[in-house]
């Protein structure tokens, strides 16, 4: 990743956006209320984009095997931290199945970006 690249900053912005929304209390998320019936799909899609943007930022230079290891490690740990953060956020409920949807979405986005 190059810190001066727009791809890197786009990835960082998206990570901070996900964290910002995760830290919002449940009653402040009224604009998402109609999406709750599609909860797992929303989580999958949210992290699909994160995985895509992560690999997009890393592909500025040719990716090595260790780049892939760190990217996959990030895509496994970050959703767990995100769901754990929701445990401490008022009126938010962490869900292991949301974390699983996040992980599968992130890995899917990463592999899609690698292939194109």
N, C-alpha and C. Protein backbone atom coordinates (compact mmCIF):
# COMPACT_ATOMS: atom_id res chain seq x y z
N UNK A 1 0.84 -1.18 0.00
CA UNK A 1 0.00 0.00 0.00
C UNK A 1 0.88 1.24 0.00
N UNK A 2 0.53 2.17 -0.83
CA UNK A 2 1.20 3.45 -0.82
C UNK A 2 0.28 4.46 -0.14
N UNK A 3 0.79 5.16 0.83
CA UNK A 3 -0.02 6.10 1.59
C UNK A 3 -0.47 7.27 0.73
N UNK A 4 0.24 7.55 -0.33
CA UNK A 4 -0.14 8.68 -1.19
C UNK A 4 -1.13 8.28 -2.29
N UNK A 5 -1.50 7.02 -2.35
CA UNK A 5 -2.40 6.55 -3.39
C UNK A 5 -3.86 6.80 -3.01
N UNK A 6 -4.67 7.17 -3.98
CA UNK A 6 -6.09 7.36 -3.73
C UNK A 6 -6.77 6.05 -3.38
N UNK A 7 -6.24 4.92 -3.90
CA UNK A 7 -6.81 3.62 -3.58
C UNK A 7 -6.68 3.31 -2.09
N UNK A 8 -5.53 3.63 -1.54
CA UNK A 8 -5.31 3.41 -0.11
C UNK A 8 -6.24 4.28 0.71
N UNK A 9 -6.37 5.53 0.35
CA UNK A 9 -7.23 6.44 1.11
C UNK A 9 -8.70 6.07 0.97
N UNK A 10 -9.09 5.56 -0.18
CA UNK A 10 -10.46 5.09 -0.34
C UNK A 10 -10.73 3.91 0.59
N UNK A 11 -9.78 2.99 0.68
CA UNK A 11 -9.91 1.86 1.61
C UNK A 11 -10.00 2.34 3.06
N UNK A 12 -9.10 3.25 3.46
CA UNK A 12 -9.12 3.78 4.83
C UNK A 12 -10.44 4.49 5.12
N UNK A 13 -10.91 5.28 4.18
CA UNK A 13 -12.19 5.97 4.37
C UNK A 13 -13.32 4.98 4.59
N UNK A 14 -13.34 3.92 3.81
CA UNK A 14 -14.40 2.93 3.94
C UNK A 14 -14.32 2.20 5.29
N UNK A 15 -13.11 1.87 5.73
CA UNK A 15 -12.95 1.22 7.05
C UNK A 15 -13.47 2.14 8.14
N UNK A 16 -13.12 3.43 8.08
CA UNK A 16 -13.59 4.37 9.10
C UNK A 16 -15.10 4.56 9.02
N UNK A 17 -15.67 4.52 7.82
CA UNK A 17 -17.12 4.62 7.68
C UNK A 17 -17.82 3.42 8.32
N UNK A 18 -17.30 2.23 8.10
CA UNK A 18 -17.85 1.03 8.73
C UNK A 18 -17.76 1.14 10.25
N UNK A 19 -16.62 1.58 10.75
CA UNK A 19 -16.46 1.72 12.21
C UNK A 19 -17.41 2.79 12.76
N UNK A 20 -17.57 3.89 12.06
CA UNK A 20 -18.47 4.96 12.50
C UNK A 20 -19.91 4.45 12.61
N UNK A 21 -20.35 3.73 11.61
CA UNK A 21 -21.72 3.20 11.64
C UNK A 21 -21.86 2.15 12.73
N UNK A 22 -20.81 1.36 12.96
CA UNK A 22 -20.86 0.34 14.01
C UNK A 22 -20.93 0.94 15.40
N UNK A 23 -20.40 2.14 15.58
CA UNK A 23 -20.41 2.77 16.89
C UNK A 23 -21.66 3.61 17.15
N UNK A 24 -22.53 3.73 16.15
CA UNK A 24 -23.77 4.48 16.34
C UNK A 24 -24.74 3.66 17.18
N UNK A 25 -25.37 4.27 18.19
CA UNK A 25 -26.39 3.53 18.96
C UNK A 25 -27.52 3.06 18.05
N UNK A 26 -28.16 1.99 18.45
CA UNK A 26 -29.19 1.38 17.64
C UNK A 26 -30.33 2.31 17.27
N UNK A 27 -30.72 3.20 18.18
CA UNK A 27 -31.84 4.10 17.86
C UNK A 27 -31.44 5.23 16.92
N UNK A 28 -30.16 5.41 16.64
CA UNK A 28 -29.70 6.43 15.68
C UNK A 28 -29.64 5.89 14.25
N UNK A 29 -30.00 4.63 14.07
CA UNK A 29 -29.90 4.00 12.76
C UNK A 29 -31.26 3.83 12.11
N UNK A 30 -32.14 4.80 12.30
CA UNK A 30 -33.49 4.70 11.76
C UNK A 30 -33.51 4.57 10.24
N UNK A 31 -32.52 5.17 9.57
CA UNK A 31 -32.48 5.12 8.11
C UNK A 31 -32.17 3.71 7.61
N UNK A 32 -31.69 2.81 8.48
CA UNK A 32 -31.44 1.42 8.09
C UNK A 32 -32.56 0.48 8.51
N UNK A 33 -33.60 1.01 9.14
CA UNK A 33 -34.62 0.15 9.74
C UNK A 33 -35.33 -0.74 8.72
N UNK A 34 -35.50 -0.27 7.50
CA UNK A 34 -36.17 -1.09 6.48
C UNK A 34 -35.27 -2.18 5.91
N UNK A 35 -33.97 -2.16 6.26
CA UNK A 35 -33.04 -3.16 5.75
C UNK A 35 -32.86 -4.35 6.68
N UNK A 36 -33.48 -4.33 7.87
CA UNK A 36 -33.21 -5.39 8.85
C UNK A 36 -33.62 -6.76 8.36
N UNK A 37 -34.62 -6.84 7.50
CA UNK A 37 -35.02 -8.16 7.01
C UNK A 37 -33.97 -8.74 6.05
N UNK A 38 -33.07 -7.89 5.58
CA UNK A 38 -31.97 -8.33 4.71
C UNK A 38 -30.63 -8.22 5.43
N UNK A 39 -30.64 -8.40 6.73
CA UNK A 39 -29.47 -8.14 7.58
C UNK A 39 -28.21 -8.85 7.10
N UNK A 40 -28.30 -10.14 6.87
CA UNK A 40 -27.10 -10.90 6.47
C UNK A 40 -26.60 -10.48 5.09
N UNK A 41 -27.52 -10.17 4.19
CA UNK A 41 -27.13 -9.70 2.86
C UNK A 41 -26.42 -8.34 2.95
N UNK A 42 -26.92 -7.47 3.83
CA UNK A 42 -26.27 -6.17 4.03
C UNK A 42 -24.86 -6.36 4.58
N UNK A 43 -24.70 -7.23 5.56
CA UNK A 43 -23.37 -7.50 6.12
C UNK A 43 -22.44 -8.08 5.07
N UNK A 44 -22.93 -9.05 4.30
CA UNK A 44 -22.12 -9.66 3.25
C UNK A 44 -21.66 -8.61 2.25
N UNK A 45 -22.58 -7.76 1.80
CA UNK A 45 -22.26 -6.75 0.80
C UNK A 45 -21.31 -5.69 1.34
N UNK A 46 -21.52 -5.29 2.60
CA UNK A 46 -20.65 -4.29 3.23
C UNK A 46 -19.20 -4.77 3.24
N UNK A 47 -18.99 -6.02 3.59
CA UNK A 47 -17.63 -6.54 3.66
C UNK A 47 -17.12 -7.02 2.31
N UNK A 48 -18.02 -7.34 1.39
CA UNK A 48 -17.59 -7.63 0.02
C UNK A 48 -16.86 -6.41 -0.54
N UNK A 49 -17.43 -5.24 -0.32
CA UNK A 49 -16.78 -4.01 -0.77
C UNK A 49 -15.47 -3.77 -0.02
N UNK A 50 -15.44 -4.08 1.28
CA UNK A 50 -14.20 -3.89 2.03
C UNK A 50 -13.09 -4.79 1.51
N UNK A 51 -13.40 -6.06 1.26
CA UNK A 51 -12.40 -6.97 0.72
C UNK A 51 -11.92 -6.53 -0.65
N UNK A 52 -12.85 -6.08 -1.48
CA UNK A 52 -12.51 -5.58 -2.81
C UNK A 52 -11.56 -4.38 -2.71
N UNK A 53 -11.91 -3.42 -1.85
CA UNK A 53 -11.09 -2.21 -1.70
C UNK A 53 -9.73 -2.51 -1.09
N UNK A 54 -9.66 -3.49 -0.19
CA UNK A 54 -8.38 -3.87 0.41
C UNK A 54 -7.43 -4.41 -0.65
N UNK A 55 -7.90 -5.35 -1.44
CA UNK A 55 -7.04 -5.92 -2.48
C UNK A 55 -6.74 -4.88 -3.55
N UNK A 56 -7.68 -4.01 -3.83
CA UNK A 56 -7.45 -2.93 -4.78
C UNK A 56 -6.30 -2.04 -4.31
N UNK A 57 -6.27 -1.75 -3.02
CA UNK A 57 -5.19 -0.91 -2.48
C UNK A 57 -3.87 -1.68 -2.48
N UNK A 58 -3.91 -2.96 -2.20
CA UNK A 58 -2.67 -3.75 -2.16
C UNK A 58 -2.11 -4.03 -3.55
N UNK A 59 -2.95 -4.01 -4.57
CA UNK A 59 -2.49 -4.35 -5.92
C UNK A 59 -1.81 -3.18 -6.63
N UNK A 60 -1.49 -2.14 -5.91
CA UNK A 60 -0.70 -1.05 -6.50
C UNK A 60 0.65 -1.63 -6.94
N UNK A 61 1.19 -2.49 -6.09
CA UNK A 61 2.40 -3.25 -6.43
C UNK A 61 1.97 -4.71 -6.60
N UNK A 62 2.75 -5.51 -7.28
CA UNK A 62 2.40 -6.94 -7.37
C UNK A 62 2.31 -7.56 -5.97
N UNK A 63 1.25 -8.34 -5.77
CA UNK A 63 1.03 -8.93 -4.44
C UNK A 63 1.86 -10.18 -4.26
N UNK A 64 2.43 -10.29 -3.08
CA UNK A 64 3.19 -11.48 -2.71
C UNK A 64 2.31 -12.39 -1.85
N UNK A 65 2.86 -13.53 -1.53
CA UNK A 65 2.14 -14.48 -0.67
C UNK A 65 1.89 -13.88 0.71
N UNK A 66 2.85 -13.13 1.22
CA UNK A 66 2.67 -12.53 2.55
C UNK A 66 1.61 -11.42 2.52
N UNK A 67 1.48 -10.71 1.40
CA UNK A 67 0.39 -9.73 1.29
C UNK A 67 -0.96 -10.42 1.43
N UNK A 68 -1.09 -11.56 0.78
CA UNK A 68 -2.34 -12.32 0.85
C UNK A 68 -2.61 -12.79 2.28
N UNK A 69 -1.55 -13.25 2.96
CA UNK A 69 -1.74 -13.71 4.35
C UNK A 69 -2.25 -12.58 5.23
N UNK A 70 -1.65 -11.40 5.12
CA UNK A 70 -2.07 -10.27 5.95
C UNK A 70 -3.47 -9.78 5.57
N UNK A 71 -3.78 -9.81 4.29
CA UNK A 71 -5.12 -9.39 3.86
C UNK A 71 -6.18 -10.33 4.41
N UNK A 72 -5.94 -11.63 4.31
CA UNK A 72 -6.91 -12.60 4.82
C UNK A 72 -7.01 -12.51 6.33
N UNK A 73 -5.88 -12.31 7.00
CA UNK A 73 -5.91 -12.13 8.45
C UNK A 73 -6.75 -10.91 8.84
N UNK A 74 -6.57 -9.81 8.12
CA UNK A 74 -7.38 -8.61 8.37
C UNK A 74 -8.86 -8.91 8.15
N UNK A 75 -9.18 -9.60 7.06
CA UNK A 75 -10.58 -9.89 6.74
C UNK A 75 -11.20 -10.93 7.68
N UNK A 76 -10.40 -11.63 8.46
CA UNK A 76 -10.91 -12.53 9.48
C UNK A 76 -11.06 -11.83 10.83
N UNK A 77 -10.12 -10.96 11.16
CA UNK A 77 -10.12 -10.34 12.48
C UNK A 77 -11.00 -9.09 12.55
N UNK A 78 -10.99 -8.27 11.52
CA UNK A 78 -11.73 -7.01 11.58
C UNK A 78 -13.23 -7.21 11.81
N UNK A 79 -13.90 -8.16 11.13
CA UNK A 79 -15.33 -8.36 11.41
C UNK A 79 -15.60 -8.79 12.86
N UNK A 80 -14.69 -9.58 13.41
CA UNK A 80 -14.86 -9.99 14.81
C UNK A 80 -14.74 -8.79 15.73
N UNK A 81 -13.78 -7.92 15.46
CA UNK A 81 -13.64 -6.70 16.26
C UNK A 81 -14.85 -5.78 16.08
N UNK A 82 -15.37 -5.72 14.87
CA UNK A 82 -16.54 -4.90 14.58
C UNK A 82 -17.75 -5.39 15.38
N UNK A 83 -17.99 -6.69 15.37
CA UNK A 83 -19.12 -7.24 16.13
C UNK A 83 -18.89 -7.10 17.63
N UNK A 84 -17.66 -7.22 18.09
CA UNK A 84 -17.35 -7.03 19.51
C UNK A 84 -17.61 -5.59 19.93
N UNK A 85 -17.26 -4.66 19.07
CA UNK A 85 -17.52 -3.24 19.35
C UNK A 85 -19.01 -2.99 19.54
N UNK A 86 -19.83 -3.68 18.77
CA UNK A 86 -21.28 -3.50 18.90
C UNK A 86 -21.80 -3.98 20.25
N UNK A 87 -21.08 -4.90 20.88
CA UNK A 87 -21.47 -5.36 22.22
C UNK A 87 -21.44 -4.20 23.22
N UNK A 88 -20.51 -3.29 23.04
CA UNK A 88 -20.34 -2.16 23.95
C UNK A 88 -21.09 -0.90 23.51
N UNK A 89 -21.79 -0.99 22.39
CA UNK A 89 -22.54 0.15 21.86
C UNK A 89 -23.99 0.04 22.31
N UNK A 90 -24.56 1.12 22.85
CA UNK A 90 -25.94 1.05 23.35
C UNK A 90 -26.93 0.65 22.25
N UNK A 91 -27.84 -0.21 22.62
CA UNK A 91 -28.93 -0.66 21.76
C UNK A 91 -28.46 -1.31 20.46
N UNK A 92 -27.30 -1.94 20.51
CA UNK A 92 -26.80 -2.73 19.39
C UNK A 92 -26.60 -4.16 19.87
N UNK A 93 -26.81 -5.11 18.99
CA UNK A 93 -26.72 -6.51 19.36
C UNK A 93 -25.69 -7.18 18.46
N UNK A 94 -24.58 -7.65 19.03
CA UNK A 94 -23.62 -8.38 18.21
C UNK A 94 -24.19 -9.76 17.87
N UNK A 95 -23.88 -10.24 16.70
CA UNK A 95 -24.40 -11.53 16.25
C UNK A 95 -23.29 -12.30 15.55
N UNK A 96 -23.07 -13.52 15.99
CA UNK A 96 -22.02 -14.33 15.39
C UNK A 96 -22.29 -14.59 13.91
N UNK A 97 -23.55 -14.69 13.55
CA UNK A 97 -23.90 -14.93 12.15
C UNK A 97 -23.63 -13.70 11.28
N UNK A 98 -23.75 -12.51 11.88
CA UNK A 98 -23.35 -11.30 11.16
C UNK A 98 -21.85 -11.33 10.90
N UNK A 99 -21.08 -11.75 11.90
CA UNK A 99 -19.63 -11.86 11.74
C UNK A 99 -19.25 -12.87 10.66
N UNK A 100 -19.98 -13.97 10.61
CA UNK A 100 -19.71 -14.98 9.57
C UNK A 100 -20.03 -14.42 8.19
N UNK A 101 -21.16 -13.71 8.08
CA UNK A 101 -21.51 -13.08 6.80
C UNK A 101 -20.46 -12.04 6.41
N UNK A 102 -19.94 -11.30 7.40
CA UNK A 102 -18.89 -10.32 7.15
C UNK A 102 -17.63 -10.99 6.60
N UNK A 103 -17.23 -12.07 7.24
CA UNK A 103 -16.01 -12.77 6.82
C UNK A 103 -16.16 -13.33 5.41
N UNK A 104 -17.28 -13.99 5.13
CA UNK A 104 -17.49 -14.54 3.79
C UNK A 104 -17.57 -13.42 2.74
N UNK A 105 -18.21 -12.32 3.08
CA UNK A 105 -18.29 -11.19 2.16
C UNK A 105 -16.92 -10.61 1.88
N UNK A 106 -16.12 -10.42 2.92
CA UNK A 106 -14.78 -9.86 2.74
C UNK A 106 -13.89 -10.75 1.89
N UNK A 107 -13.91 -12.04 2.16
CA UNK A 107 -13.09 -12.97 1.38
C UNK A 107 -13.57 -13.05 -0.07
N UNK A 108 -14.88 -13.02 -0.26
CA UNK A 108 -15.43 -13.04 -1.63
C UNK A 108 -15.00 -11.80 -2.40
N UNK A 109 -15.10 -10.63 -1.77
CA UNK A 109 -14.69 -9.38 -2.42
C UNK A 109 -13.20 -9.39 -2.76
N UNK A 110 -12.39 -9.94 -1.85
CA UNK A 110 -10.95 -10.00 -2.09
C UNK A 110 -10.64 -10.89 -3.30
N UNK A 111 -11.28 -12.04 -3.37
CA UNK A 111 -11.01 -12.95 -4.48
C UNK A 111 -11.58 -12.44 -5.80
N UNK A 112 -12.70 -11.73 -5.72
CA UNK A 112 -13.23 -11.11 -6.96
C UNK A 112 -12.24 -10.09 -7.49
N UNK A 113 -11.70 -9.25 -6.61
CA UNK A 113 -10.75 -8.22 -7.04
C UNK A 113 -9.47 -8.83 -7.56
N UNK A 114 -9.07 -9.93 -6.98
CA UNK A 114 -7.85 -10.60 -7.44
C UNK A 114 -8.04 -11.13 -8.86
N UNK A 115 -9.22 -11.57 -9.19
CA UNK A 115 -9.47 -12.19 -10.50
C UNK A 115 -9.64 -11.17 -11.62
N UNK A 116 -10.03 -9.93 -11.30
CA UNK A 116 -10.23 -8.97 -12.39
C UNK A 116 -9.06 -8.02 -12.53
